[in-house]
N, C-alpha and C. Protein backbone atom coordinates (compact mmCIF):
# COMPACT_ATOMS: atom_id res chain seq x y z
N MET A 1 0.84 -1.16 0.00
CA MET A 1 0.00 0.00 0.00
C MET A 1 0.89 1.24 0.00
N ASP A 2 0.53 2.20 -0.77
CA ASP A 2 1.32 3.42 -0.87
C ASP A 2 0.60 4.54 -0.12
N GLU A 3 1.11 4.86 1.04
CA GLU A 3 0.59 5.91 1.92
C GLU A 3 -0.94 5.83 2.08
N PRO A 4 -1.43 4.72 2.59
CA PRO A 4 -2.88 4.52 2.68
C PRO A 4 -3.58 5.44 3.67
N THR A 5 -2.86 6.11 4.55
CA THR A 5 -3.52 6.98 5.53
C THR A 5 -3.74 8.40 5.02
N THR A 6 -3.21 8.71 3.84
CA THR A 6 -3.37 10.05 3.29
C THR A 6 -4.84 10.42 3.20
N GLY A 7 -5.22 11.51 3.87
CA GLY A 7 -6.58 12.00 3.83
C GLY A 7 -7.53 11.34 4.82
N LEU A 8 -7.05 10.35 5.57
CA LEU A 8 -7.92 9.68 6.53
C LEU A 8 -7.99 10.44 7.85
N HIS A 9 -9.14 10.39 8.48
CA HIS A 9 -9.29 10.89 9.85
C HIS A 9 -8.54 9.93 10.77
N ARG A 10 -8.08 10.42 11.90
CA ARG A 10 -7.30 9.59 12.83
C ARG A 10 -8.04 8.31 13.22
N SER A 11 -9.34 8.38 13.43
CA SER A 11 -10.09 7.17 13.80
C SER A 11 -10.12 6.17 12.65
N ASP A 12 -10.16 6.68 11.40
CA ASP A 12 -10.12 5.79 10.25
C ASP A 12 -8.75 5.13 10.12
N THR A 13 -7.71 5.84 10.50
CA THR A 13 -6.37 5.25 10.50
C THR A 13 -6.33 4.05 11.43
N GLY A 14 -6.96 4.18 12.59
CA GLY A 14 -7.03 3.04 13.53
C GLY A 14 -7.73 1.85 12.91
N HIS A 15 -8.81 2.08 12.18
CA HIS A 15 -9.52 0.98 11.51
C HIS A 15 -8.63 0.34 10.45
N LEU A 16 -7.89 1.17 9.71
CA LEU A 16 -6.98 0.65 8.69
C LEU A 16 -5.91 -0.23 9.33
N ILE A 17 -5.37 0.21 10.46
CA ILE A 17 -4.36 -0.59 11.16
C ILE A 17 -4.94 -1.93 11.58
N GLU A 18 -6.17 -1.94 12.08
CA GLU A 18 -6.83 -3.19 12.46
C GLU A 18 -6.97 -4.13 11.26
N ILE A 19 -7.33 -3.58 10.11
CA ILE A 19 -7.47 -4.40 8.90
C ILE A 19 -6.11 -4.98 8.50
N MET A 20 -5.07 -4.16 8.55
CA MET A 20 -3.73 -4.65 8.20
C MET A 20 -3.29 -5.75 9.17
N GLU A 21 -3.58 -5.58 10.46
CA GLU A 21 -3.23 -6.59 11.45
C GLU A 21 -3.97 -7.91 11.18
N ARG A 22 -5.23 -7.82 10.78
CA ARG A 22 -6.00 -9.04 10.44
C ARG A 22 -5.38 -9.75 9.25
N LEU A 23 -4.97 -8.97 8.23
CA LEU A 23 -4.32 -9.57 7.07
C LEU A 23 -3.06 -10.34 7.48
N VAL A 24 -2.26 -9.74 8.36
CA VAL A 24 -1.03 -10.39 8.82
C VAL A 24 -1.38 -11.64 9.64
N ASP A 25 -2.37 -11.51 10.52
CA ASP A 25 -2.78 -12.66 11.35
C ASP A 25 -3.24 -13.84 10.50
N GLU A 26 -3.75 -13.56 9.30
CA GLU A 26 -4.20 -14.61 8.40
C GLU A 26 -3.06 -15.17 7.54
N GLY A 27 -1.84 -14.71 7.81
CA GLY A 27 -0.67 -15.25 7.12
C GLY A 27 -0.21 -14.45 5.91
N ASN A 28 -0.80 -13.30 5.69
CA ASN A 28 -0.42 -12.47 4.56
C ASN A 28 0.77 -11.57 4.91
N THR A 29 1.52 -11.20 3.89
CA THR A 29 2.57 -10.20 4.02
C THR A 29 1.98 -8.87 3.60
N VAL A 30 2.17 -7.84 4.42
CA VAL A 30 1.66 -6.51 4.11
C VAL A 30 2.85 -5.57 4.03
N VAL A 31 3.00 -4.93 2.88
CA VAL A 31 4.07 -3.96 2.67
C VAL A 31 3.41 -2.59 2.52
N VAL A 32 3.87 -1.64 3.33
CA VAL A 32 3.25 -0.32 3.36
C VAL A 32 4.33 0.75 3.23
N ILE A 33 4.12 1.68 2.34
CA ILE A 33 4.96 2.88 2.26
C ILE A 33 4.19 3.95 3.01
N GLU A 34 4.74 4.42 4.11
CA GLU A 34 3.96 5.28 4.99
C GLU A 34 4.85 6.16 5.84
N HIS A 35 4.37 7.38 6.13
CA HIS A 35 5.06 8.30 7.03
C HIS A 35 4.28 8.51 8.32
N ASN A 36 3.09 7.94 8.41
CA ASN A 36 2.26 8.08 9.58
C ASN A 36 2.87 7.29 10.73
N THR A 37 3.18 7.97 11.82
CA THR A 37 3.89 7.30 12.93
C THR A 37 3.01 6.29 13.64
N ASP A 38 1.68 6.43 13.61
CA ASP A 38 0.82 5.41 14.21
C ASP A 38 0.98 4.08 13.46
N VAL A 39 1.08 4.15 12.16
CA VAL A 39 1.30 2.94 11.36
C VAL A 39 2.70 2.42 11.58
N MET A 40 3.68 3.31 11.62
CA MET A 40 5.07 2.88 11.83
C MET A 40 5.24 2.14 13.15
N ARG A 41 4.54 2.59 14.20
CA ARG A 41 4.64 1.92 15.51
C ARG A 41 4.16 0.48 15.45
N GLN A 42 3.25 0.17 14.54
CA GLN A 42 2.67 -1.17 14.45
C GLN A 42 3.49 -2.11 13.57
N ALA A 43 4.48 -1.58 12.91
CA ALA A 43 5.25 -2.38 11.94
C ALA A 43 6.08 -3.44 12.65
N ASP A 44 6.26 -4.56 11.95
CA ASP A 44 7.21 -5.57 12.41
C ASP A 44 8.62 -5.18 12.01
N TRP A 45 8.73 -4.51 10.87
CA TRP A 45 10.05 -4.18 10.32
C TRP A 45 9.94 -2.87 9.54
N ILE A 46 10.90 -2.00 9.71
CA ILE A 46 10.93 -0.71 9.01
C ILE A 46 12.18 -0.64 8.15
N ILE A 47 11.99 -0.19 6.91
CA ILE A 47 13.11 0.09 6.02
C ILE A 47 12.96 1.55 5.59
N ASP A 48 13.96 2.37 5.90
CA ASP A 48 13.94 3.78 5.55
C ASP A 48 14.91 3.99 4.40
N LEU A 49 14.39 4.44 3.26
CA LEU A 49 15.22 4.71 2.09
C LEU A 49 15.45 6.21 1.97
N GLY A 50 16.59 6.60 1.51
CA GLY A 50 16.85 8.03 1.40
C GLY A 50 18.21 8.29 0.79
N PRO A 51 18.77 9.46 1.07
CA PRO A 51 18.29 10.45 2.04
C PRO A 51 17.17 11.33 1.51
N GLU A 52 16.96 11.41 0.23
CA GLU A 52 15.90 12.22 -0.36
C GLU A 52 14.91 11.30 -1.06
N GLY A 53 13.81 11.86 -1.53
CA GLY A 53 12.82 11.07 -2.24
C GLY A 53 12.71 11.48 -3.70
N GLY A 54 11.91 10.75 -4.43
CA GLY A 54 11.66 11.06 -5.84
C GLY A 54 12.92 11.03 -6.67
N THR A 55 13.04 11.97 -7.57
CA THR A 55 14.21 12.02 -8.45
C THR A 55 15.46 12.42 -7.69
N GLN A 56 15.29 13.00 -6.49
CA GLN A 56 16.43 13.39 -5.65
C GLN A 56 16.97 12.21 -4.85
N GLY A 57 16.22 11.15 -4.78
CA GLY A 57 16.57 10.01 -3.93
C GLY A 57 17.79 9.26 -4.41
N ALA A 58 18.62 8.91 -3.46
CA ALA A 58 19.81 8.13 -3.78
C ALA A 58 19.53 6.64 -3.66
N GLY A 59 18.37 6.30 -3.07
CA GLY A 59 17.99 4.90 -2.97
C GLY A 59 18.82 4.09 -1.99
N ARG A 60 19.44 4.75 -1.03
CA ARG A 60 20.23 4.04 -0.03
C ARG A 60 19.35 3.63 1.14
N VAL A 61 19.67 2.51 1.76
CA VAL A 61 18.97 2.09 2.97
C VAL A 61 19.58 2.88 4.13
N MET A 62 18.78 3.77 4.71
CA MET A 62 19.24 4.62 5.81
C MET A 62 19.04 3.94 7.16
N PHE A 63 18.05 3.06 7.23
CA PHE A 63 17.76 2.32 8.46
C PHE A 63 16.98 1.08 8.09
N GLU A 64 17.23 0.00 8.85
CA GLU A 64 16.47 -1.23 8.71
C GLU A 64 16.38 -1.89 10.07
N GLY A 65 15.17 -2.18 10.52
CA GLY A 65 15.00 -2.84 11.81
C GLY A 65 13.59 -2.66 12.34
N THR A 66 13.43 -2.99 13.61
CA THR A 66 12.13 -2.88 14.25
C THR A 66 11.89 -1.45 14.72
N PRO A 67 10.65 -1.10 15.04
CA PRO A 67 10.42 0.22 15.63
C PRO A 67 11.27 0.44 16.88
N ARG A 68 11.45 -0.60 17.70
CA ARG A 68 12.29 -0.49 18.89
C ARG A 68 13.73 -0.19 18.50
N ASP A 69 14.24 -0.87 17.45
CA ASP A 69 15.59 -0.59 16.96
C ASP A 69 15.72 0.88 16.56
N LEU A 70 14.67 1.39 15.92
CA LEU A 70 14.68 2.78 15.50
C LEU A 70 14.76 3.71 16.70
N PHE A 71 14.04 3.37 17.76
CA PHE A 71 14.08 4.16 19.00
C PHE A 71 15.48 4.15 19.61
N GLU A 72 16.11 2.99 19.61
CA GLU A 72 17.43 2.88 20.25
C GLU A 72 18.52 3.58 19.45
N ARG A 73 18.28 3.80 18.20
CA ARG A 73 19.24 4.53 17.37
C ARG A 73 19.08 6.01 17.68
N GLU A 74 20.16 6.68 17.95
CA GLU A 74 20.09 8.07 18.39
C GLU A 74 19.54 9.00 17.32
N ARG A 75 20.00 8.85 16.10
CA ARG A 75 19.54 9.73 15.02
C ARG A 75 19.39 8.93 13.74
N VAL A 76 18.41 9.32 12.95
CA VAL A 76 18.21 8.76 11.61
C VAL A 76 18.20 9.93 10.66
N VAL A 77 19.13 9.96 9.74
CA VAL A 77 19.25 11.05 8.76
C VAL A 77 19.21 12.40 9.46
N ASP A 78 20.02 12.55 10.51
CA ASP A 78 20.15 13.81 11.24
C ASP A 78 18.85 14.33 11.84
N GLU A 79 17.90 13.46 12.09
CA GLU A 79 16.66 13.90 12.71
C GLU A 79 16.30 12.93 13.82
N PRO A 80 16.13 13.42 15.05
CA PRO A 80 15.70 12.50 16.10
C PRO A 80 14.26 12.07 15.84
N ILE A 81 14.05 10.79 15.54
CA ILE A 81 12.72 10.34 15.14
C ILE A 81 11.98 9.63 16.27
N HIS A 82 12.68 9.05 17.23
CA HIS A 82 11.98 8.23 18.22
C HIS A 82 10.94 8.97 19.05
N PRO A 83 11.07 10.26 19.38
CA PRO A 83 9.99 10.91 20.12
C PRO A 83 8.68 10.92 19.32
N ARG A 84 8.76 11.05 18.00
CA ARG A 84 7.56 11.05 17.17
C ARG A 84 6.91 9.67 17.15
N LEU A 85 7.69 8.61 17.29
CA LEU A 85 7.12 7.27 17.29
C LEU A 85 6.47 6.93 18.62
N GLY A 86 6.75 7.71 19.65
CA GLY A 86 6.15 7.43 20.94
C GLY A 86 6.77 6.22 21.62
N LEU A 87 8.01 5.90 21.28
CA LEU A 87 8.71 4.77 21.90
C LEU A 87 9.66 5.28 22.95
N TYR A 88 9.46 4.90 24.17
CA TYR A 88 10.34 5.38 25.26
C TYR A 88 10.84 4.25 26.10
């Protein structure tokens, strides 16, 4: 899914997360391109590509791991991200 939360109300985002969790529970693989931190917190694995996007993107893997791994990493692309993920 490519940024499925775009334009959704926060409560609808919660419903979307529940649907994605059901798909995974049924044995499906769900791949999501997303910047919404509520969705990122629910991920089993995060891959951050960068440092830029679109035609500016270098396509390098900037981070790969669990949301907890992301929290334990001090900085990702010069931006402290863990406070936004709500992982403490």
